[in-house]
Amino acid sequence: MTNIATWEDFQKIDIRVGTVIKAEEFQGAKIPAYKLEIDFGTELGIKRSSARLVRNYKKEDLVGRQVICVVNFPKKQIANFFSEVLVMGVYAGSDDNVVLLQAERKVNNGDKIG
């Protein structure tokens, strides 16, 4: 059974849209991943994330793509890298087969999901 979240729980999570401006292979990651730089507009600026997207996406295909991210989790250290936001995706069959969530059409960087 799934844990039940309250509306107040949901309101604590800040989910926003940003555009990937840089993607590179994450050499120090135990599981293949990319280091991403994501532009969230003037309010939040550019944030970094580690994302296990290698199986379904080439790094050059990620640049310019809008992604949906949780922007208010604490930083997470992965090897020698600090991930500042959580890029959201669906585990399609396994933990290393992530399919990105995305907006149905282009929106402004930093727009809130809610």
PDB file of N, CA and C in Angstrom:
ATOM      1  N   MET A   1       0.841  -1.188   0.000  1.00  0.00           N
ATOM      2  CA  MET A   1       0.000   0.000   0.000  1.00  0.00           C
ATOM      3  C   MET A   1       0.882   1.245   0.000  1.00  0.00           C
ATOM      4  N   THR A   2       0.477   2.242  -0.709  1.00  0.00           N
ATOM      5  CA  THR A   2       1.189   3.502  -0.797  1.00  0.00           C
ATOM      6  C   THR A   2       0.921   4.337   0.452  1.00  0.00           C
ATOM      7  N   ASN A   3       1.970   5.027   0.923  1.00  0.00           N
ATOM      8  CA  ASN A   3       1.771   5.965   2.031  1.00  0.00           C
ATOM      9  C   ASN A   3       0.877   7.102   1.563  1.00  0.00           C
ATOM     10  N   ILE A   4       0.001   7.547   2.429  1.00  0.00           N
ATOM     11  CA  ILE A   4      -0.898   8.646   2.100  1.00  0.00           C
ATOM     12  C   ILE A   4      -0.229   9.966   2.469  1.00  0.00           C
ATOM     13  N   ALA A   5      -0.151  10.864   1.494  1.00  0.00           N
ATOM     14  CA  ALA A   5       0.388  12.204   1.727  1.00  0.00           C
ATOM     15  C   ALA A   5      -0.773  13.173   1.864  1.00  0.00           C
ATOM     16  N   THR A   6      -0.564  14.181   2.656  1.00  0.00           N
ATOM     17  CA  THR A   6      -1.586  15.215   2.804  1.00  0.00           C
ATOM     18  C   THR A   6      -1.326  16.324   1.786  1.00  0.00           C
ATOM     19  N   TRP A   7      -2.316  17.169   1.607  1.00  0.00           N
ATOM     20  CA  TRP A   7      -2.140  18.331   0.733  1.00  0.00           C
ATOM     21  C   TRP A   7      -0.993  19.197   1.251  1.00  0.00           C
ATOM     22  N   GLU A   8      -0.884  19.306   2.559  1.00  0.00           N
ATOM     23  CA  GLU A   8       0.193  20.096   3.165  1.00  0.00           C
ATOM     24  C   GLU A   8       1.566  19.494   2.828  1.00  0.00           C
ATOM     25  N   ASP A   9       1.664  18.175   2.801  1.00  0.00           N
ATOM     26  CA  ASP A   9       2.917  17.521   2.390  1.00  0.00           C
ATOM     27  C   ASP A   9       3.287  17.925   0.965  1.00  0.00           C
ATOM     28  N   PHE A  10       2.315  17.857   0.060  1.00  0.00           N
ATOM     29  CA  PHE A  10       2.554  18.203  -1.335  1.00  0.00           C
ATOM     30  C   PHE A  10       2.990  19.660  -1.492  1.00  0.00           C
ATOM     31  N   GLN A  11       2.384  20.546  -0.720  1.00  0.00           N
ATOM     32  CA  GLN A  11       2.695  21.969  -0.836  1.00  0.00           C
ATOM     33  C   GLN A  11       4.127  22.281  -0.404  1.00  0.00           C
ATOM     34  N   LYS A  12       4.762  21.416   0.361  1.00  0.00           N
ATOM     35  CA  LYS A  12       6.152  21.629   0.785  1.00  0.00           C
ATOM     36  C   LYS A  12       7.144  21.383  -0.339  1.00  0.00           C
ATOM     37  N   ILE A  13       6.749  20.626  -1.353  1.00  0.00           N
ATOM     38  CA  ILE A  13       7.656  20.270  -2.442  1.00  0.00           C
ATOM     39  C   ILE A  13       7.574  21.326  -3.533  1.00  0.00           C
ATOM     40  N   ASP A  14       8.712  21.893  -3.882  1.00  0.00           N
ATOM     41  CA  ASP A  14       8.795  22.923  -4.922  1.00  0.00           C
ATOM     42  C   ASP A  14       9.279  22.249  -6.207  1.00  0.00           C
ATOM     43  N   ILE A  15       8.347  22.071  -7.151  1.00  0.00           N
ATOM     44  CA  ILE A  15       8.647  21.407  -8.416  1.00  0.00           C
ATOM     45  C   ILE A  15       8.578  22.457  -9.518  1.00  0.00           C
ATOM     46  N   ARG A  16       9.669  22.536 -10.307  1.00  0.00           N
ATOM     47  CA  ARG A  16       9.744  23.577 -11.332  1.00  0.00           C
ATOM     48  C   ARG A  16      10.252  23.014 -12.656  1.00  0.00           C
ATOM     49  N   VAL A  17      10.037  23.794 -13.691  1.00  0.00           N
ATOM     50  CA  VAL A  17      10.532  23.465 -15.023  1.00  0.00           C
ATOM     51  C   VAL A  17      11.818  24.250 -15.274  1.00  0.00           C
ATOM     52  N   GLY A  18      12.802  23.572 -15.845  1.00  0.00           N
ATOM     53  CA  GLY A  18      14.044  24.218 -16.232  1.00  0.00           C
ATOM     54  C   GLY A  18      14.540  23.644 -17.549  1.00  0.00           C
ATOM     55  N   THR A  19      15.497  24.332 -18.153  1.00  0.00           N
ATOM     56  CA  THR A  19      16.074  23.887 -19.421  1.00  0.00           C
ATOM     57  C   THR A  19      17.518  23.467 -19.204  1.00  0.00           C
ATOM     58  N   VAL A  20      17.847  22.272 -19.683  1.00  0.00           N
ATOM     59  CA  VAL A  20      19.221  21.773 -19.595  1.00  0.00           C
ATOM     60  C   VAL A  20      20.102  22.624 -20.508  1.00  0.00           C
ATOM     61  N   ILE A  21      21.164  23.214 -19.927  1.00  0.00           N
ATOM     62  CA  ILE A  21      22.073  24.030 -20.732  1.00  0.00           C
ATOM     63  C   ILE A  21      23.437  23.360 -20.911  1.00  0.00           C
ATOM     64  N   LYS A  22      23.711  22.321 -20.108  1.00  0.00           N
ATOM     65  CA  LYS A  22      24.973  21.592 -20.240  1.00  0.00           C
ATOM     66  C   LYS A  22      24.768  20.171 -19.731  1.00  0.00           C
ATOM     67  N   ALA A  23      25.347  19.204 -20.445  1.00  0.00           N
ATOM     68  CA  ALA A  23      25.296  17.801 -20.032  1.00  0.00           C
ATOM     69  C   ALA A  23      26.648  17.172 -20.327  1.00  0.00           C
ATOM     70  N   GLU A  24      27.191  16.488 -19.317  1.00  0.00           N
ATOM     71  CA  GLU A  24      28.460  15.793 -19.509  1.00  0.00           C
ATOM     72  C   GLU A  24      28.446  14.479 -18.747  1.00  0.00           C
ATOM     73  N   GLU A  25      29.246  13.536 -19.195  1.00  0.00           N
ATOM     74  CA  GLU A  25      29.320  12.247 -18.525  1.00  0.00           C
ATOM     75  C   GLU A  25      29.869  12.429 -17.115  1.00  0.00           C
ATOM     76  N   PHE A  26      29.312  11.693 -16.178  1.00  0.00           N
ATOM     77  CA  PHE A  26      29.720  11.746 -14.778  1.00  0.00           C
ATOM     78  C   PHE A  26      30.684  10.581 -14.548  1.00  0.00           C
ATOM     79  N   GLN A  27      31.969  10.877 -14.666  1.00  0.00           N
ATOM     80  CA  GLN A  27      33.004   9.842 -14.578  1.00  0.00           C
ATOM     81  C   GLN A  27      33.071   9.175 -13.213  1.00  0.00           C
ATOM     82  N   GLY A  28      32.763   9.873 -12.122  1.00  0.00           N
ATOM     83  CA  GLY A  28      32.896   9.331 -10.775  1.00  0.00           C
ATOM     84  C   GLY A  28      31.678   8.595 -10.243  1.00  0.00           C
ATOM     85  N   ALA A  29      30.616   8.526 -11.027  1.00  0.00           N
ATOM     86  CA  ALA A  29      29.377   7.894 -10.558  1.00  0.00           C
ATOM     87  C   ALA A  29      29.490   6.373 -10.605  1.00  0.00           C
ATOM     88  N   LYS A  30      28.954   5.694  -9.579  1.00  0.00           N
ATOM     89  CA  LYS A  30      28.939   4.225  -9.560  1.00  0.00           C
ATOM     90  C   LYS A  30      28.005   3.672 -10.634  1.00  0.00           C
ATOM     91  N   ILE A  31      26.867   4.337 -10.821  1.00  0.00           N
ATOM     92  CA  ILE A  31      25.909   3.967 -11.862  1.00  0.00           C
ATOM     93  C   ILE A  31      26.023   5.021 -12.952  1.00  0.00           C
ATOM     94  N   PRO A  32      26.100   4.631 -14.233  1.00  0.00           N
ATOM     95  CA  PRO A  32      26.257   5.623 -15.305  1.00  0.00           C
ATOM     96  C   PRO A  32      25.241   6.758 -15.194  1.00  0.00           C
ATOM     97  N   ALA A  33      25.752   7.978 -15.274  1.00  0.00           N
ATOM     98  CA  ALA A  33      24.908   9.165 -15.109  1.00  0.00           C
ATOM     99  C   ALA A  33      25.524  10.339 -15.859  1.00  0.00           C
ATOM    100  N   TYR A  34      24.749  11.403 -15.951  1.00  0.00           N
ATOM    101  CA  TYR A  34      25.228  12.672 -16.493  1.00  0.00           C
ATOM    102  C   TYR A  34      25.244  13.716 -15.388  1.00  0.00           C
ATOM    103  N   LYS A  35      26.162  14.651 -15.510  1.00  0.00           N
ATOM    104  CA  LYS A  35      26.118  15.888 -14.734  1.00  0.00           C
ATOM    105  C   LYS A  35      25.387  16.902 -15.612  1.00  0.00           C
ATOM    106  N   LEU A  36      24.353  17.501 -15.050  1.00  0.00           N
ATOM    107  CA  LEU A  36      23.558  18.473 -15.801  1.00  0.00           C
ATOM    108  C   LEU A  36      23.633  19.841 -15.161  1.00  0.00           C
ATOM    109  N   GLU A  37      23.600  20.877 -15.978  1.00  0.00           N
ATOM    110  CA  GLU A  37      23.365  22.244 -15.521  1.00  0.00           C
ATOM    111  C   GLU A  37      22.020  22.639 -16.112  1.00  0.00           C
ATOM    112  N   ILE A  38      21.131  23.129 -15.232  1.00  0.00           N
ATOM    113  CA  ILE A  38      19.759  23.404 -15.621  1.00  0.00           C
ATOM    114  C   ILE A  38      19.420  24.849 -15.275  1.00  0.00           C
ATOM    115  N   ASP A  39      18.883  25.580 -16.248  1.00  0.00           N
ATOM    116  CA  ASP A  39      18.503  26.984 -16.068  1.00  0.00           C
ATOM    117  C   ASP A  39      17.050  27.061 -15.615  1.00  0.00           C
ATOM    118  N   PHE A  40      16.847  27.630 -14.415  1.00  0.00           N
ATOM    119  CA  PHE A  40      15.504  27.800 -13.853  1.00  0.00           C
ATOM    120  C   PHE A  40      15.054  29.256 -13.889  1.00  0.00           C
ATOM    121  N   GLY A  41      15.660  30.072 -14.716  1.00  0.00           N
ATOM    122  CA  GLY A  41      15.228  31.461 -14.845  1.00  0.00           C
ATOM    123  C   GLY A  41      15.836  32.361 -13.795  1.00  0.00           C
ATOM    124  N   THR A  42      15.353  33.595 -13.755  1.00  0.00           N
ATOM    125  CA  THR A  42      15.977  34.627 -12.926  1.00  0.00           C
ATOM    126  C   THR A  42      15.833  34.377 -11.425  1.00  0.00           C
ATOM    127  N   GLU A  43      14.730  33.797 -10.986  1.00  0.00           N
ATOM    128  CA  GLU A  43      14.518  33.606  -9.547  1.00  0.00           C
ATOM    129  C   GLU A  43      15.480  32.583  -8.946  1.00  0.00           C
ATOM    130  N   LEU A  44      15.662  31.455  -9.596  1.00  0.00           N
ATOM    131  CA  LEU A  44      16.500  30.377  -9.057  1.00  0.00           C
ATOM    132  C   LEU A  44      17.860  30.265  -9.728  1.00  0.00           C
ATOM    133  N   GLY A  45      17.972  30.742 -10.952  1.00  0.00           N
ATOM    134  CA  GLY A  45      19.243  30.680 -11.662  1.00  0.00           C
ATOM    135  C   GLY A  45      19.566  29.271 -12.163  1.00  0.00           C
ATOM    136  N   ILE A  46      20.856  28.994 -12.259  1.00  0.00           N
ATOM    137  CA  ILE A  46      21.330  27.717 -12.784  1.00  0.00           C
ATOM    138  C   ILE A  46      21.655  26.783 -11.627  1.00  0.00           C
ATOM    139  N   LYS A  47      21.137  25.562 -11.707  1.00  0.00           N
ATOM    140  CA  LYS A  47      21.370  24.535 -10.689  1.00  0.00           C
ATOM    141  C   LYS A  47      21.981  23.309 -11.362  1.00  0.00           C
ATOM    142  N   ARG A  48      22.664  22.506 -10.545  1.00  0.00           N
ATOM    143  CA  ARG A  48      23.316  21.299 -11.059  1.00  0.00           C
ATOM    144  C   ARG A  48      22.616  20.049 -10.538  1.00  0.00           C
ATOM    145  N   SER A  49      22.688  18.995 -11.344  1.00  0.00           N
ATOM    146  CA  SER A  49      22.075  17.733 -10.947  1.00  0.00           C
ATOM    147  C   SER A  49      22.832  16.571 -11.557  1.00  0.00           C
ATOM    148  N   SER A  50      22.822  15.451 -10.841  1.00  0.00           N
ATOM    149  CA  SER A  50      23.283  14.184 -11.390  1.00  0.00           C
ATOM    150  C   SER A  50      22.042  13.398 -11.754  1.00  0.00           C
ATOM    151  N   ALA A  51      22.010  12.869 -12.975  1.00  0.00           N
ATOM    152  CA  ALA A  51      20.811  12.166 -13.426  1.00  0.00           C
ATOM    153  C   ALA A  51      21.193  10.901 -14.189  1.00  0.00           C
ATOM    154  N   ARG A  52      20.548   9.786 -13.824  1.00  0.00           N
ATOM    155  CA  ARG A  52      20.805   8.494 -14.463  1.00  0.00           C
ATOM    156  C   ARG A  52      19.961   8.364 -15.730  1.00  0.00           C
ATOM    157  N   LEU A  53      20.365   9.086 -16.747  1.00  0.00           N
ATOM    158  CA  LEU A  53      19.612   9.136 -17.997  1.00  0.00           C
ATOM    159  C   LEU A  53      20.368   8.511 -19.163  1.00  0.00           C
ATOM    160  N   VAL A  54      21.528   7.929 -18.882  1.00  0.00           N
ATOM    161  CA  VAL A  54      22.440   7.454 -19.920  1.00  0.00           C
ATOM    162  C   VAL A  54      21.789   6.417 -20.833  1.00  0.00           C
ATOM    163  N   ARG A  55      20.978   5.568 -20.288  1.00  0.00           N
ATOM    164  CA  ARG A  55      20.396   4.478 -21.073  1.00  0.00           C
ATOM    165  C   ARG A  55      19.453   4.975 -22.171  1.00  0.00           C
ATOM    166  N   ASN A  56      18.725   6.053 -21.909  1.00  0.00           N
ATOM    167  CA  ASN A  56      17.716   6.520 -22.868  1.00  0.00           C
ATOM    168  C   ASN A  56      18.037   7.825 -23.581  1.00  0.00           C
ATOM    169  N   TYR A  57      19.063   8.549 -23.128  1.00  0.00           N
ATOM    170  CA  TYR A  57      19.323   9.872 -23.699  1.00  0.00           C
ATOM    171  C   TYR A  57      20.812  10.070 -23.955  1.00  0.00           C
ATOM    172  N   LYS A  58      21.129  10.662 -25.103  1.00  0.00           N
ATOM    173  CA  LYS A  58      22.494  11.105 -25.380  1.00  0.00           C
ATOM    174  C   LYS A  58      22.639  12.483 -24.776  1.00  0.00           C
ATOM    175  N   LYS A  59      23.845  12.795 -24.295  1.00  0.00           N
ATOM    176  CA  LYS A  59      24.024  14.091 -23.628  1.00  0.00           C
ATOM    177  C   LYS A  59      23.695  15.253 -24.566  1.00  0.00           C
ATOM    178  N   GLU A  60      24.017  15.127 -25.848  1.00  0.00           N
ATOM    179  CA  GLU A  60      23.728  16.216 -26.781  1.00  0.00           C
ATOM    180  C   GLU A  60      22.224  16.371 -27.018  1.00  0.00           C
ATOM    181  N   ASP A  61      21.450  15.319 -26.794  1.00  0.00           N
ATOM    182  CA  ASP A  61      19.990  15.415 -26.930  1.00  0.00           C
ATOM    183  C   ASP A  61      19.333  16.052 -25.710  1.00  0.00           C
ATOM    184  N   LEU A  62      20.043  16.095 -24.595  1.00  0.00           N
ATOM    185  CA  LEU A  62      19.495  16.699 -23.375  1.00  0.00           C
ATOM    186  C   LEU A  62      19.597  18.218 -23.396  1.00  0.00           C
ATOM    187  N   VAL A  63      20.661  18.754 -24.007  1.00  0.00           N
ATOM    188  CA  VAL A  63      20.854  20.203 -24.035  1.00  0.00           C
ATOM    189  C   VAL A  63      19.711  20.849 -24.821  1.00  0.00           C
ATOM    190  N   GLY A  64      19.056  21.809 -24.184  1.00  0.00           N
ATOM    191  CA  GLY A  64      17.914  22.493 -24.774  1.00  0.00           C
ATOM    192  C   GLY A  64      16.577  21.879 -24.388  1.00  0.00           C
ATOM    193  N   ARG A  65      16.596  20.722 -23.753  1.00  0.00           N
ATOM    194  CA  ARG A  65      15.361  20.038 -23.349  1.00  0.00           C
ATOM    195  C   ARG A  65      14.874  20.574 -22.007  1.00  0.00           C
ATOM    196  N   GLN A  66      13.581  20.802 -21.912  1.00  0.00           N
ATOM    197  CA  GLN A  66      13.007  21.190 -20.628  1.00  0.00           C
ATOM    198  C   GLN A  66      12.765  19.949 -19.782  1.00  0.00           C
ATOM    199  N   VAL A  67      13.066  20.072 -18.493  1.00  0.00           N
ATOM    200  CA  VAL A  67      12.900  18.978 -17.541  1.00  0.00           C
ATOM    201  C   VAL A  67      12.135  19.485 -16.328  1.00  0.00           C
ATOM    202  N   ILE A  68      11.568  18.551 -15.593  1.00  0.00           N
ATOM    203  CA  ILE A  68      10.827  18.877 -14.376  1.00  0.00           C
ATOM    204  C   ILE A  68      11.659  18.412 -13.193  1.00  0.00           C
ATOM    205  N   CYS A  69      11.845  19.299 -12.202  1.00  0.00           N
ATOM    206  CA  CYS A  69      12.748  19.008 -11.091  1.00  0.00           C
ATOM    207  C   CYS A  69      12.171  19.457  -9.757  1.00  0.00           C
ATOM    208  N   VAL A  70      12.528  18.706  -8.717  1.00  0.00           N
ATOM    209  CA  VAL A  70      12.288  19.162  -7.349  1.00  0.00           C
ATOM    210  C   VAL A  70      13.475  20.050  -7.002  1.00  0.00           C
ATOM    211  N   VAL A  71      13.199  21.298  -6.620  1.00  0.00           N
ATOM    212  CA  VAL A  71      14.290  22.258  -6.415  1.00  0.00           C
ATOM    213  C   VAL A  71      14.540  22.587  -4.946  1.00  0.00           C
ATOM    214  N   ASN A  72      13.776  22.001  -4.028  1.00  0.00           N
ATOM    215  CA  ASN A  72      13.975  22.359  -2.618  1.00  0.00           C
ATOM    216  C   ASN A  72      14.348  21.179  -1.725  1.00  0.00           C
ATOM    217  N   PHE A  73      14.915  20.119  -2.304  1.00  0.00           N
ATOM    218  CA  PHE A  73      15.537  19.084  -1.481  1.00  0.00           C
ATOM    219  C   PHE A  73      16.923  19.568  -1.085  1.00  0.00           C
ATOM    220  N   PRO A  74      17.494  19.050   0.007  1.00  0.00           N
ATOM    221  CA  PRO A  74      18.867  19.420   0.343  1.00  0.00           C
ATOM    222  C   PRO A  74      19.836  18.900  -0.718  1.00  0.00           C
ATOM    223  N   LYS A  75      20.981  19.556  -0.843  1.00  0.00           N
ATOM    224  CA  LYS A  75      22.020  19.083  -1.764  1.00  0.00           C
ATOM    225  C   LYS A  75      22.407  17.664  -1.393  1.00  0.00           C
ATOM    226  N   LYS A  76      22.718  16.867  -2.422  1.00  0.00           N
ATOM    227  CA  LYS A  76      23.123  15.486  -2.193  1.00  0.00           C
ATOM    228  C   LYS A  76      24.492  15.266  -2.830  1.00  0.00           C
ATOM    229  N   GLN A  77      25.445  14.790  -2.024  1.00  0.00           N
ATOM    230  CA  GLN A  77      26.777  14.532  -2.559  1.00  0.00           C
ATOM    231  C   GLN A  77      26.813  13.158  -3.209  1.00  0.00           C
ATOM    232  N   ILE A  78      27.248  13.140  -4.444  1.00  0.00           N
ATOM    233  CA  ILE A  78      27.437  11.907  -5.197  1.00  0.00           C
ATOM    234  C   ILE A  78      28.872  11.935  -5.699  1.00  0.00           C
ATOM    235  N   ALA A  79      29.711  11.067  -5.128  1.00  0.00           N
ATOM    236  CA  ALA A  79      31.159  11.091  -5.396  1.00  0.00           C
ATOM    237  C   ALA A  79      31.669  12.493  -5.049  1.00  0.00           C
ATOM    238  N   ASN A  80      32.295  13.170  -5.992  1.00  0.00           N
ATOM    239  CA  ASN A  80      32.851  14.501  -5.733  1.00  0.00           C
ATOM    240  C   ASN A  80      31.952  15.622  -6.255  1.00  0.00           C
ATOM    241  N   PHE A  81      30.671  15.347  -6.423  1.00  0.00           N
ATOM    242  CA  PHE A  81      29.727  16.263  -7.054  1.00  0.00           C
ATOM    243  C   PHE A  81      28.541  16.501  -6.116  1.00  0.00           C
ATOM    244  N   PHE A  82      28.065  17.728  -6.057  1.00  0.00           N
ATOM    245  CA  PHE A  82      26.884  18.052  -5.261  1.00  0.00           C
ATOM    246  C   PHE A  82      25.699  18.301  -6.194  1.00  0.00           C
ATOM    247  N   SER A  83      24.705  17.435  -6.092  1.00  0.00           N
ATOM    248  CA  SER A  83      23.488  17.557  -6.876  1.00  0.00           C
ATOM    249  C   SER A  83      22.532  18.474  -6.115  1.00  0.00           C
ATOM    250  N   GLU A  84      22.079  19.543  -6.768  1.00  0.00           N
ATOM    251  CA  GLU A  84      21.257  20.559  -6.113  1.00  0.00           C
ATOM    252  C   GLU A  84      19.762  20.378  -6.339  1.00  0.00           C
ATOM    253  N   VAL A  85      19.391  19.691  -7.413  1.00  0.00           N
ATOM    254  CA  VAL A  85      17.980  19.468  -7.731  1.00  0.00           C
ATOM    255  C   VAL A  85      17.784  18.020  -8.155  1.00  0.00           C
ATOM    256  N   LEU A  86      16.550  17.531  -8.018  1.00  0.00           N
ATOM    257  CA  LEU A  86      16.207  16.175  -8.439  1.00  0.00           C
ATOM    258  C   LEU A  86      15.450  16.245  -9.755  1.00  0.00           C
ATOM    259  N   VAL A  87      16.065  15.725 -10.806  1.00  0.00           N
ATOM    260  CA  VAL A  87      15.403  15.639 -12.101  1.00  0.00           C
ATOM    261  C   VAL A  87      14.398  14.492 -12.020  1.00  0.00           C
ATOM    262  N   MET A  88      13.160  14.762 -12.413  1.00  0.00           N
ATOM    263  CA  MET A  88      12.100  13.770 -12.249  1.00  0.00           C
ATOM    264  C   MET A  88      11.914  12.925 -13.509  1.00  0.00           C
ATOM    265  N   GLY A  89      11.739  11.636 -13.270  1.00  0.00           N
ATOM    266  CA  GLY A  89      11.515  10.704 -14.356  1.00  0.00           C
ATOM    267  C   GLY A  89      10.789   9.477 -13.850  1.00  0.00           C
ATOM    268  N   VAL A  90      10.460   8.618 -14.774  1.00  0.00           N
ATOM    269  CA  VAL A  90       9.771   7.370 -14.477  1.00  0.00           C
ATOM    270  C   VAL A  90      10.774   6.235 -14.626  1.00  0.00           C
ATOM    271  N   TYR A  91      10.825   5.340 -13.630  1.00  0.00           N
ATOM    272  CA  TYR A  91      11.629   4.125 -13.756  1.00  0.00           C
ATOM    273  C   TYR A  91      10.840   3.165 -14.636  1.00  0.00           C
ATOM    274  N   ALA A  92      11.254   3.032 -15.878  1.00  0.00           N
ATOM    275  CA  ALA A  92      10.538   2.198 -16.846  1.00  0.00           C
ATOM    276  C   ALA A  92      11.155   0.797 -16.857  1.00  0.00           C
ATOM    277  N   GLY A  93      10.781  -0.006 -15.885  1.00  0.00           N
ATOM    278  CA  GLY A  93      11.240  -1.381 -15.837  1.00  0.00           C
ATOM    279  C   GLY A  93      12.416  -1.636 -14.928  1.00  0.00           C
ATOM    280  N   SER A  94      13.300  -0.646 -14.754  1.00  0.00           N
ATOM    281  CA  SER A  94      14.448  -0.817 -13.859  1.00  0.00           C
ATOM    282  C   SER A  94      14.974   0.542 -13.440  1.00  0.00           C
ATOM    283  N   ASP A  95      15.794   0.543 -12.377  1.00  0.00           N
ATOM    284  CA  ASP A  95      16.322   1.803 -11.848  1.00  0.00           C
ATOM    285  C   ASP A  95      17.231   2.544 -12.822  1.00  0.00           C
ATOM    286  N   ASP A  96      17.800   1.847 -13.792  1.00  0.00           N
ATOM    287  CA  ASP A  96      18.705   2.535 -14.719  1.00  0.00           C
ATOM    288  C   ASP A  96      18.038   2.816 -16.066  1.00  0.00           C
ATOM    289  N   ASN A  97      16.737   2.676 -16.133  1.00  0.00           N
ATOM    290  CA  ASN A  97      15.989   2.953 -17.350  1.00  0.00           C
ATOM    291  C   ASN A  97      15.000   4.080 -17.070  1.00  0.00           C
ATOM    292  N   VAL A  98      15.522   5.295 -16.930  1.00  0.00           N
ATOM    293  CA  VAL A  98      14.704   6.446 -16.545  1.00  0.00           C
ATOM    294  C   VAL A  98      14.211   7.182 -17.787  1.00  0.00           C
ATOM    295  N   VAL A  99      12.908   7.462 -17.805  1.00  0.00           N
ATOM    296  CA  VAL A  99      12.278   8.263 -18.852  1.00  0.00           C
ATOM    297  C   VAL A  99      11.868   9.583 -18.214  1.00  0.00           C
ATOM    298  N   LEU A 100      12.318  10.685 -18.783  1.00  0.00           N
ATOM    299  CA  LEU A 100      12.059  12.007 -18.221  1.00  0.00           C
ATOM    300  C   LEU A 100      10.581  12.383 -18.225  1.00  0.00           C
ATOM    301  N   LEU A 101      10.173  13.073 -17.159  1.00  0.00           N
ATOM    302  CA  LEU A 101       8.882  13.753 -17.164  1.00  0.00           C
ATOM    303  C   LEU A 101       9.112  15.107 -17.819  1.00  0.00           C
ATOM    304  N   GLN A 102       8.145  15.584 -18.563  1.00  0.00           N
ATOM    305  CA  GLN A 102       8.298  16.902 -19.171  1.00  0.00           C
ATOM    306  C   GLN A 102       6.956  17.552 -19.409  1.00  0.00           C
ATOM    307  N   ALA A 103       7.003  18.865 -19.576  1.00  0.00           N
ATOM    308  CA  ALA A 103       5.787  19.619 -19.865  1.00  0.00           C
ATOM    309  C   ALA A 103       5.303  19.271 -21.271  1.00  0.00           C
ATOM    310  N   GLU A 104       4.026  19.307 -21.474  1.00  0.00           N
ATOM    311  CA  GLU A 104       3.414  18.976 -22.759  1.00  0.00           C
ATOM    312  C   GLU A 104       3.777  19.996 -23.843  1.00  0.00           C
ATOM    313  N   ARG A 105       4.106  21.214 -23.434  1.00  0.00           N
ATOM    314  CA  ARG A 105       4.564  22.250 -24.374  1.00  0.00           C
ATOM    315  C   ARG A 105       5.580  23.140 -23.667  1.00  0.00           C
ATOM    316  N   LYS A 106       6.313  23.936 -24.417  1.00  0.00           N
ATOM    317  CA  LYS A 106       7.350  24.789 -23.849  1.00  0.00           C
ATOM    318  C   LYS A 106       6.717  25.808 -22.903  1.00  0.00           C
ATOM    319  N   VAL A 107       7.345  25.957 -21.735  1.00  0.00           N
ATOM    320  CA  VAL A 107       6.907  26.929 -20.733  1.00  0.00           C
ATOM    321  C   VAL A 107       8.127  27.717 -20.287  1.00  0.00           C
ATOM    322  N   ASN A 108       7.924  28.702 -19.423  1.00  0.00           N
ATOM    323  CA  ASN A 108       9.032  29.528 -18.947  1.00  0.00           C
ATOM    324  C   ASN A 108       9.865  28.760 -17.926  1.00  0.00           C
ATOM    325  N   ASN A 109      11.186  28.916 -18.023  1.00  0.00           N
ATOM    326  CA  ASN A 109      12.065  28.340 -17.010  1.00  0.00           C
ATOM    327  C   ASN A 109      11.689  28.903 -15.644  1.00  0.00           C
ATOM    328  N   GLY A 110      11.599  28.011 -14.664  1.00  0.00           N
ATOM    329  CA  GLY A 110      11.239  28.416 -13.317  1.00  0.00           C
ATOM    330  C   GLY A 110       9.768  28.314 -13.000  1.00  0.00           C
ATOM    331  N   ASP A 111       8.929  28.070 -14.010  1.00  0.00           N
ATOM    332  CA  ASP A 111       7.493  27.929 -13.756  1.00  0.00           C
ATOM    333  C   ASP A 111       7.278  26.773 -12.777  1.00  0.00           C
ATOM    334  N   LYS A 112       6.313  26.965 -11.866  1.00  0.00           N
ATOM    335  CA  LYS A 112       6.014  25.968 -10.826  1.00  0.00           C
ATOM    336  C   LYS A 112       5.015  24.937 -11.324  1.00  0.00           C
ATOM    337  N   ILE A 113       5.198  23.723 -10.830  1.00  0.00           N
ATOM    338  CA  ILE A 113       4.237  22.648 -11.049  1.00  0.00           C
ATOM    339  C   ILE A 113       3.320  22.646  -9.826  1.00  0.00           C
ATOM    340  N   GLY A 114       2.056  22.480 -10.055  1.00  0.00           N
ATOM    341  CA  GLY A 114       1.176  22.450  -8.890  1.00  0.00           C
ATOM    342  C   GLY A 114      -0.261  22.253  -9.237  1.00  0.00           C
TER     343      GLY A 114
END
